[in-house]
């Protein structure tokens, strides 16, 4: 018997899966979207893009754009008493809507 996998994407079969109507190529507007520092975003991991993918524990979390780092953005996400800095590409971010 083989050993149990302990990879970066372990136990993500249902979590990192796109619904049938969301499948296909990611739109250019999502990839080229420019975020400004201070803007609120939701981390929504796109499983078809491996580069710049944040850890699954931050999937669905909201944060604030702190900085731009190359093509990616630094997102500050509160976790308990700490504030974590997550580096994610725009494919995995979504602008916050509403209040």
Protein backbone atom coordinates (compact mmCIF):
# COMPACT_ATOMS: atom_id res chain seq x y z
CA UNK A 1 0.00 0.00 0.00
CA UNK A 2 1.13 3.51 -0.75
CA UNK A 3 1.57 6.31 1.74
CA UNK A 4 -1.12 8.89 2.28
CA UNK A 5 -0.51 12.06 0.27
CA UNK A 6 0.31 15.18 2.27
CA UNK A 7 0.49 17.65 -0.62
CA UNK A 8 -0.49 21.31 -0.83
CA UNK A 9 -3.94 20.44 -2.24
CA UNK A 10 -4.78 17.46 -0.03
CA UNK A 11 -8.52 16.91 0.73
CA UNK A 12 -9.66 19.51 -1.82
CA UNK A 13 -11.72 17.32 -4.18
CA UNK A 14 -15.00 19.08 -3.44
CA UNK A 15 -13.61 22.37 -2.14
CA UNK A 16 -11.47 23.22 -5.17
CA UNK A 17 -13.92 22.15 -7.85
CA UNK A 18 -15.74 24.33 -10.32
CA UNK A 19 -19.44 23.85 -10.95
CA UNK A 20 -20.33 22.58 -14.45
CA UNK A 21 -21.47 26.02 -15.68
CA UNK A 22 -18.32 27.73 -14.40
CA UNK A 23 -15.97 25.39 -16.26
CA UNK A 24 -13.85 26.43 -19.21
CA UNK A 25 -11.32 29.16 -19.72
CA UNK A 26 -11.13 32.04 -17.29
CA UNK A 27 -12.23 35.33 -18.83
CA UNK A 28 -9.66 38.00 -19.65
CA UNK A 29 -11.48 40.60 -17.55
CA UNK A 30 -10.88 38.45 -14.46
CA UNK A 31 -7.18 37.92 -15.24
CA UNK A 32 -6.47 41.56 -16.16
CA UNK A 33 -8.52 43.15 -13.36
CA UNK A 34 -6.48 45.78 -11.50
CA UNK A 35 -7.01 46.09 -7.76
CA UNK A 36 -6.14 49.21 -5.77
CA UNK A 37 -4.57 49.13 -2.28
CA UNK A 38 -7.30 49.27 0.37
CA UNK A 39 -9.85 47.49 -1.84
CA UNK A 40 -11.78 44.61 -0.25
CA UNK A 41 -11.62 41.25 -2.02
CA UNK A 42 -12.82 37.68 -1.57
CA UNK A 43 -10.30 34.86 -2.05
CA UNK A 44 -12.00 32.41 -4.38
CA UNK A 45 -9.47 29.81 -5.55
CA UNK A 46 -9.64 28.92 -9.24
CA UNK A 47 -8.49 25.28 -9.38
CA UNK A 48 -7.58 25.41 -13.08
CA UNK A 49 -4.82 27.97 -12.41
CA UNK A 50 -1.99 26.59 -10.26
CA UNK A 51 0.28 29.65 -10.31
CA UNK A 52 -0.29 32.13 -7.51
CA UNK A 53 -2.83 29.88 -5.80
CA UNK A 54 -3.36 30.63 -2.10
CA UNK A 55 -3.69 27.78 0.41
CA UNK A 56 -7.11 26.15 0.64
CA UNK A 57 -7.56 27.36 4.22
CA UNK A 58 -8.06 30.91 2.86
CA UNK A 59 -10.71 29.90 0.27
CA UNK A 60 -13.80 32.06 0.85
CA UNK A 61 -12.04 34.49 3.19
CA UNK A 62 -12.26 38.25 2.74
CA UNK A 63 -9.28 40.54 2.93
CA UNK A 64 -7.86 43.91 1.96
CA UNK A 65 -5.38 44.52 -0.86
CA UNK A 66 -2.15 45.76 0.70
CA UNK A 67 0.30 45.81 -2.19
CA UNK A 68 1.06 44.57 -5.69
CA UNK A 69 3.94 42.11 -6.10
CA UNK A 70 4.71 41.38 -9.73
CA UNK A 71 1.50 40.05 -11.30
CA UNK A 72 0.17 39.02 -7.87
CA UNK A 73 -1.36 40.95 -5.00
CA UNK A 74 -0.65 40.89 -1.28
CA UNK A 75 -3.95 40.42 0.57
CA UNK A 76 -4.17 40.99 4.32
CA UNK A 77 -6.53 38.43 5.86
CA UNK A 78 -7.42 38.44 9.58
CA UNK A 79 -7.00 35.03 11.25
CA UNK A 80 -7.63 35.00 14.97
CA UNK A 81 -5.52 37.75 16.55
CA UNK A 82 -3.03 37.81 13.66
CA UNK A 83 -3.23 39.37 10.20
CA UNK A 84 -1.86 37.04 7.52
CA UNK A 85 -0.39 38.30 4.25
CA UNK A 86 -1.56 36.09 1.39
CA UNK A 87 0.09 36.39 -2.03
CA UNK A 88 -2.41 35.55 -4.76
CA UNK A 89 -2.84 36.23 -8.45
CA UNK A 90 -5.97 38.05 -9.69
CA UNK A 91 -7.48 34.78 -11.00
CA UNK A 92 -8.04 33.76 -7.38
CA UNK A 93 -9.50 37.09 -6.23
CA UNK A 94 -12.96 38.58 -6.59
CA UNK A 95 -13.99 42.17 -5.79
CA UNK A 96 -16.19 42.45 -2.69
CA UNK A 97 -19.74 43.47 -3.51
CA UNK A 98 -22.28 45.04 -1.18
CA UNK A 99 -21.56 45.91 2.45
